[in-house]
Amino acid sequence: MGETSTETTQQQVPNPAYQDLEELRGRIVQAAPALRTALDRPAQDLGGGKVWTGTVADGFAQEVIGRKQRLGALVEGLLSAVDAKLAATPRECTQQEAANYRRYRRLDRY
């Protein structure tokens, strides 16, 4: 016997939303080291008094150091958010759900 349209739409397939989230997580993990260290050199140079000295320079150096720390925390927060979404997203879905997701993604680009 052949499959009915109901059986076909109920068949489980890899969830494209889950796959997109996995891809996003991989890109974040790949970029994370560069993001975490992006302000290392400016923070070190300003904090060490190599490029600028004085009261204003000290305040600016502290701001750069604070932004460096915040950038690292934001990267971790982003990874945590994607991990939470991955945990809440099923690895598989019906063919119809997958088709609807792909259709929505195409429309979302415009």
Protein backbone atom coordinates (compact mmCIF):
# COMPACT_ATOMS: atom_id res chain seq x y z
CA MET A 1 0.00 0.00 0.00
CA GLY A 2 1.13 3.55 -0.70
CA GLU A 3 1.41 6.28 1.88
CA THR A 4 -1.52 8.60 2.33
CA SER A 5 -0.99 12.36 2.41
CA THR A 6 -1.62 12.31 6.18
CA GLU A 7 1.09 9.69 6.70
CA THR A 8 3.52 11.70 4.56
CA THR A 9 2.95 14.94 6.47
CA GLN A 10 3.24 13.14 9.81
CA GLN A 11 6.53 11.44 8.94
CA GLN A 12 9.33 12.87 11.07
CA VAL A 13 12.21 14.64 9.31
CA PRO A 14 15.17 16.67 10.58
CA ASN A 15 13.87 19.99 11.91
CA PRO A 16 15.32 22.81 9.75
CA ALA A 17 14.87 25.27 12.64
CA TYR A 18 17.06 23.06 14.83
CA GLN A 19 19.61 22.78 12.03
CA ASP A 20 19.66 26.58 11.63
CA LEU A 21 20.22 27.01 15.36
CA GLU A 22 23.07 24.49 15.30
CA GLU A 23 24.65 26.40 12.41
CA LEU A 24 24.23 29.70 14.25
CA ARG A 25 25.81 28.24 17.38
CA GLY A 26 28.76 26.98 15.33
CA ARG A 27 29.31 30.44 13.82
CA ILE A 28 29.18 32.06 17.28
CA VAL A 29 31.63 29.52 18.70
CA GLN A 30 33.95 30.15 15.76
CA ALA A 31 33.79 33.94 16.20
CA ALA A 32 33.87 33.89 20.03
CA PRO A 33 37.66 33.89 20.51
CA ALA A 34 38.10 36.94 18.28
CA LEU A 35 35.20 38.72 19.96
CA ARG A 36 36.47 37.94 23.46
CA THR A 37 39.92 39.31 22.67
CA ALA A 38 38.90 42.19 20.36
CA LEU A 39 39.60 44.83 23.01
CA ASP A 40 42.60 43.16 24.68
CA ARG A 41 45.23 45.28 22.96
CA PRO A 42 43.48 48.65 23.43
CA ALA A 43 42.73 47.80 27.07
CA GLN A 44 46.34 46.78 27.66
CA ASP A 45 47.78 49.83 25.89
CA LEU A 46 45.48 52.30 27.61
CA GLY A 47 45.73 50.60 30.99
CA GLY A 48 49.51 50.56 30.81
CA GLY A 49 49.78 54.26 30.04
CA LYS A 50 51.56 53.58 26.75
CA VAL A 51 49.34 55.71 24.54
CA TRP A 52 47.76 58.27 26.85
CA THR A 53 48.22 59.39 30.43
CA GLY A 54 46.31 61.57 32.82
CA THR A 55 43.01 61.59 34.65
CA VAL A 56 40.89 61.53 31.48
CA ALA A 57 43.05 58.73 30.07
CA ASP A 58 42.59 56.68 33.23
CA GLY A 59 38.81 57.06 32.99
CA PHE A 60 38.83 56.13 29.32
CA ALA A 61 41.05 53.11 30.02
CA GLN A 62 38.60 51.90 32.68
CA GLU A 63 35.76 52.29 30.19
CA VAL A 64 37.60 50.21 27.58
CA ILE A 65 38.38 47.55 30.19
CA GLY A 66 34.71 47.49 31.21
CA ARG A 67 33.59 47.16 27.60
CA LYS A 68 36.07 44.32 27.09
CA GLN A 69 34.55 42.46 30.03
CA ARG A 70 31.02 43.21 28.84
CA LEU A 71 31.84 41.94 25.35
CA GLY A 72 32.96 38.60 26.81
CA ALA A 73 29.77 38.40 28.88
CA LEU A 74 27.62 39.20 25.83
CA VAL A 75 29.25 36.39 23.86
CA GLU A 76 28.50 33.97 26.70
CA GLY A 77 24.94 35.29 26.94
CA LEU A 78 24.43 34.80 23.24
CA LEU A 79 25.66 31.22 23.43
CA SER A 80 23.39 30.58 26.41
CA ALA A 81 20.38 31.99 24.55
CA VAL A 82 21.06 29.81 21.50
CA ASP A 83 21.61 26.76 23.73
CA ALA A 84 18.29 27.41 25.47
CA LYS A 85 16.50 27.73 22.14
CA LEU A 86 18.17 24.52 20.92
CA ALA A 87 17.03 22.70 24.06
CA ALA A 88 13.46 23.88 23.46
CA THR A 89 13.45 22.98 19.76
CA PRO A 90 12.77 19.39 18.71
CA ARG A 91 15.42 17.74 16.54
CA GLU A 92 12.69 16.38 14.28
CA CYS A 93 9.36 17.67 13.04
CA THR A 94 6.75 16.66 10.50
CA GLN A 95 7.38 17.24 6.82
CA GLN A 96 4.62 19.85 6.83
CA GLU A 97 6.21 21.75 9.73
CA ALA A 98 9.57 21.67 7.93
CA ALA A 99 7.97 22.97 4.71
CA ASN A 100 6.20 25.74 6.62
CA TYR A 101 9.44 26.78 8.31
CA ARG A 102 11.30 26.89 5.00
CA ARG A 103 8.48 28.88 3.41
CA TYR A 104 8.53 31.36 6.29
CA ARG A 105 12.33 31.69 6.06
CA ARG A 106 12.07 32.51 2.34
CA LEU A 107 9.46 35.19 3.02
CA ASP A 108 11.48 36.54 5.95
CA ARG A 109 14.32 37.50 3.59
CA TYR A 110 12.25 40.17 1.88
